[in-house]
Amino acid sequence: MFEKNKQIRSAHFLICHQGFIELLAAIEPAAKSKDPSKRLVKMLEAYADFAVAHPETYKLAFMQDPKFSEEMFRQTAVEEESGAGRKAFLLIVTALEELKDGGKIKRQADTTRLAEVLWAGVHGVVSLKLISPFFPATQTKTLVESMIETLLNGLYLNRTFAF
């Protein structure tokens, strides 16, 4: 029984690791936009689109038992400096750094923390829709857009962001 559980856990780790690689591949095209505001929106939308297109992989990687998730995050792509999960996250941090350098967000802004907030906000919408597709009734894409708009308007000094 122990060996079977160990094999299942190993398979889960491999699926999650591959999922991070696929997530990065989904976000990278959006990261090519020169305008950091547009790039940020496109990357967050790509993150949500990935989750909707790969619900089982997404749930396994981001919505699993907290003990499994912690172990997985410590042993796979997220914690590795060159890992796909870390790279995907850093693309969002980089866009925020550019917005800060351009005077669009506060100079004292902690861009890593802001990236976590944005990631968590989109994750919350996507997770809710994956678990309860009919609650709330609004379509996932519309909720994600509204979440991004709401979060970004809280960041920008001149609250003018809108879809």
Protein backbone atom coordinates (compact mmCIF):
# COMPACT_ATOMS: atom_id res chain seq x y z
CA MET A 1 0.00 0.00 0.00
CA PHE A 2 2.81 2.42 0.89
CA GLU A 3 4.57 1.75 -2.42
CA LYS A 4 1.36 2.39 -4.38
CA ASN A 5 0.82 5.71 -2.57
CA LYS A 6 4.42 6.66 -3.28
CA GLN A 7 3.90 5.89 -7.00
CA ILE A 8 0.70 7.95 -7.10
CA ARG A 9 2.45 10.86 -5.40
CA SER A 10 5.33 10.64 -7.90
CA ALA A 11 2.84 10.70 -10.79
CA HIS A 12 1.14 13.74 -9.25
CA PHE A 13 4.49 15.54 -8.95
CA LEU A 14 5.28 14.80 -12.60
CA ILE A 15 1.88 16.06 -13.74
CA CYS A 16 2.29 19.23 -11.69
CA HIS A 17 5.81 19.81 -12.96
CA GLN A 18 4.59 19.43 -16.56
CA GLY A 19 1.63 21.67 -15.71
CA PHE A 20 4.00 24.47 -14.67
CA ILE A 21 5.88 24.09 -17.96
CA GLU A 22 2.59 24.32 -19.86
CA LEU A 23 1.46 27.30 -17.77
CA LEU A 24 4.66 29.15 -18.62
CA ALA A 25 4.17 28.30 -22.30
CA ALA A 26 0.64 29.74 -22.09
CA ILE A 27 1.81 32.96 -20.42
CA GLU A 28 4.95 33.62 -22.49
CA PRO A 29 3.20 34.81 -25.68
CA ALA A 30 1.29 37.39 -23.61
CA ALA A 31 4.61 38.54 -22.13
CA LYS A 32 5.74 39.84 -25.51
CA SER A 33 3.57 42.96 -25.36
CA LYS A 34 5.73 46.08 -25.00
CA ASP A 35 3.21 47.98 -22.86
CA PRO A 36 3.53 46.62 -19.30
CA SER A 37 -0.14 47.40 -18.49
CA LYS A 38 -1.41 45.43 -21.47
CA ARG A 39 1.17 42.71 -20.88
CA LEU A 40 0.08 42.32 -17.26
CA VAL A 41 -3.57 41.97 -18.25
CA LYS A 42 -2.78 39.52 -21.05
CA MET A 43 -0.61 37.38 -18.77
CA LEU A 44 -3.26 37.22 -16.05
CA GLU A 45 -5.88 36.34 -18.64
CA ALA A 46 -3.56 33.66 -20.06
CA TYR A 47 -3.19 32.24 -16.55
CA ALA A 48 -6.98 32.02 -16.22
CA ASP A 49 -7.36 30.59 -19.72
CA PHE A 50 -4.80 27.91 -18.89
CA ALA A 51 -6.72 26.93 -15.76
CA VAL A 52 -10.01 26.69 -17.64
CA ALA A 53 -8.42 24.71 -20.51
CA HIS A 54 -6.60 22.31 -18.13
CA PRO A 55 -8.87 22.04 -15.08
CA GLU A 56 -7.57 18.74 -13.74
CA THR A 57 -3.93 19.76 -13.98
CA TYR A 58 -4.75 23.14 -12.45
CA LYS A 59 -6.69 21.59 -9.57
CA LEU A 60 -3.89 19.11 -8.90
CA ALA A 61 -1.22 21.85 -8.91
CA PHE A 62 -3.10 24.65 -7.12
CA MET A 63 -6.12 23.23 -5.33
CA GLN A 64 -4.80 20.06 -3.71
CA ASP A 65 -4.41 19.08 -0.07
CA PRO A 66 -2.23 21.81 1.52
CA LYS A 67 0.36 19.26 2.71
CA PHE A 68 0.72 17.86 -0.83
CA SER A 69 0.84 21.38 -2.29
CA GLU A 70 3.54 22.50 0.13
CA GLU A 71 5.64 19.43 -0.58
CA MET A 72 5.12 19.81 -4.32
CA PHE A 73 5.98 23.52 -4.31
CA ARG A 74 9.16 22.82 -2.38
CA GLN A 75 10.26 20.04 -4.74
CA THR A 76 9.25 21.26 -8.18
CA ALA A 77 9.39 24.13 -10.61
CA VAL A 78 8.02 26.88 -8.39
CA GLU A 79 10.91 27.06 -5.96
CA GLU A 80 13.68 26.45 -8.49
CA GLU A 81 15.10 29.75 -9.71
CA SER A 82 15.07 28.49 -13.29
CA GLY A 83 11.84 26.52 -12.94
CA ALA A 84 8.80 27.15 -15.10
CA GLY A 85 6.51 28.13 -12.23
CA ARG A 86 9.00 30.67 -10.93
CA LYS A 87 9.57 32.07 -14.42
CA ALA A 88 5.81 32.50 -14.97
CA PHE A 89 5.48 34.36 -11.70
CA LEU A 90 8.52 36.55 -12.41
CA LEU A 91 7.00 37.66 -15.72
CA ILE A 92 4.22 39.28 -13.68
CA VAL A 93 6.71 40.79 -11.23
CA THR A 94 8.71 42.23 -14.14
CA ALA A 95 5.64 43.92 -15.64
CA LEU A 96 4.89 45.44 -12.25
CA GLU A 97 8.51 46.63 -11.91
CA GLU A 98 8.17 48.38 -15.28
CA LEU A 99 4.94 50.02 -14.17
CA LYS A 100 6.67 51.19 -11.00
CA ASP A 101 9.67 52.51 -12.96
CA GLY A 102 7.27 54.32 -15.29
CA GLY A 103 5.50 56.04 -12.39
CA LYS A 104 2.23 54.16 -12.90
CA ILE A 105 2.25 52.59 -9.45
CA LYS A 106 3.72 53.74 -6.14
CA ARG A 107 7.51 53.88 -5.93
CA GLN A 108 7.43 52.04 -2.59
CA ALA A 109 5.25 49.23 -4.01
CA ASP A 110 6.44 45.71 -3.23
CA THR A 111 6.08 44.21 -6.71
CA THR A 112 6.46 40.62 -5.52
CA ARG A 113 3.63 41.07 -3.04
CA LEU A 114 1.50 42.80 -5.69
CA ALA A 115 2.15 39.92 -8.09
CA GLU A 116 1.00 37.51 -5.37
CA VAL A 117 -2.18 39.56 -4.88
CA LEU A 118 -2.94 39.60 -8.61
CA TRP A 119 -2.17 35.89 -8.95
CA ALA A 120 -4.33 35.09 -5.91
CA GLY A 121 -7.23 37.20 -7.18
CA VAL A 122 -7.33 35.46 -10.54
CA HIS A 123 -6.76 32.11 -8.84
CA GLY A 124 -9.76 32.77 -6.58
CA VAL A 125 -12.11 33.40 -9.51
CA VAL A 126 -10.82 30.43 -11.48
CA SER A 127 -10.93 28.08 -8.47
CA LEU A 128 -14.49 29.07 -7.66
CA LYS A 129 -15.58 28.49 -11.24
CA LEU A 130 -13.81 25.11 -11.43
CA ILE A 131 -15.44 23.91 -8.23
CA SER A 132 -18.86 25.51 -8.76
CA PRO A 133 -19.24 26.34 -12.48
CA PHE A 134 -22.71 27.85 -12.03
CA PHE A 135 -21.86 30.04 -9.04
CA PRO A 136 -21.65 32.88 -9.53
CA ALA A 137 -23.65 32.88 -12.74
CA THR A 138 -21.31 35.25 -14.59
CA GLN A 139 -19.01 33.59 -17.12
CA THR A 140 -15.45 32.90 -16.01
CA LYS A 141 -13.84 35.19 -18.60
CA THR A 142 -16.04 38.11 -17.54
CA LEU A 143 -15.30 37.52 -13.85
CA VAL A 144 -11.57 37.32 -14.53
CA GLU A 145 -11.68 40.58 -16.48
CA SER A 146 -13.62 42.25 -13.66
CA MET A 147 -11.19 40.91 -11.05
CA ILE A 148 -8.17 42.16 -13.01
CA GLU A 149 -9.77 45.57 -13.59
CA THR A 150 -10.68 45.90 -9.92
CA LEU A 151 -7.23 44.85 -8.71
CA LEU A 152 -5.37 47.05 -11.18
CA ASN A 153 -7.45 50.11 -10.39
CA GLY A 154 -6.36 49.63 -6.81
CA LEU A 155 -2.73 49.73 -7.96
CA TYR A 156 -2.62 52.60 -10.42
CA LEU A 157 -2.02 56.09 -9.11
CA ASN A 158 -4.45 57.55 -11.68
CA ARG A 159 -7.28 55.06 -11.46
CA THR A 160 -8.12 54.96 -15.13
CA PHE A 161 -7.68 51.31 -16.02
CA ALA A 162 -10.66 49.72 -17.76
CA PHE A 163 -11.35 46.98 -20.28
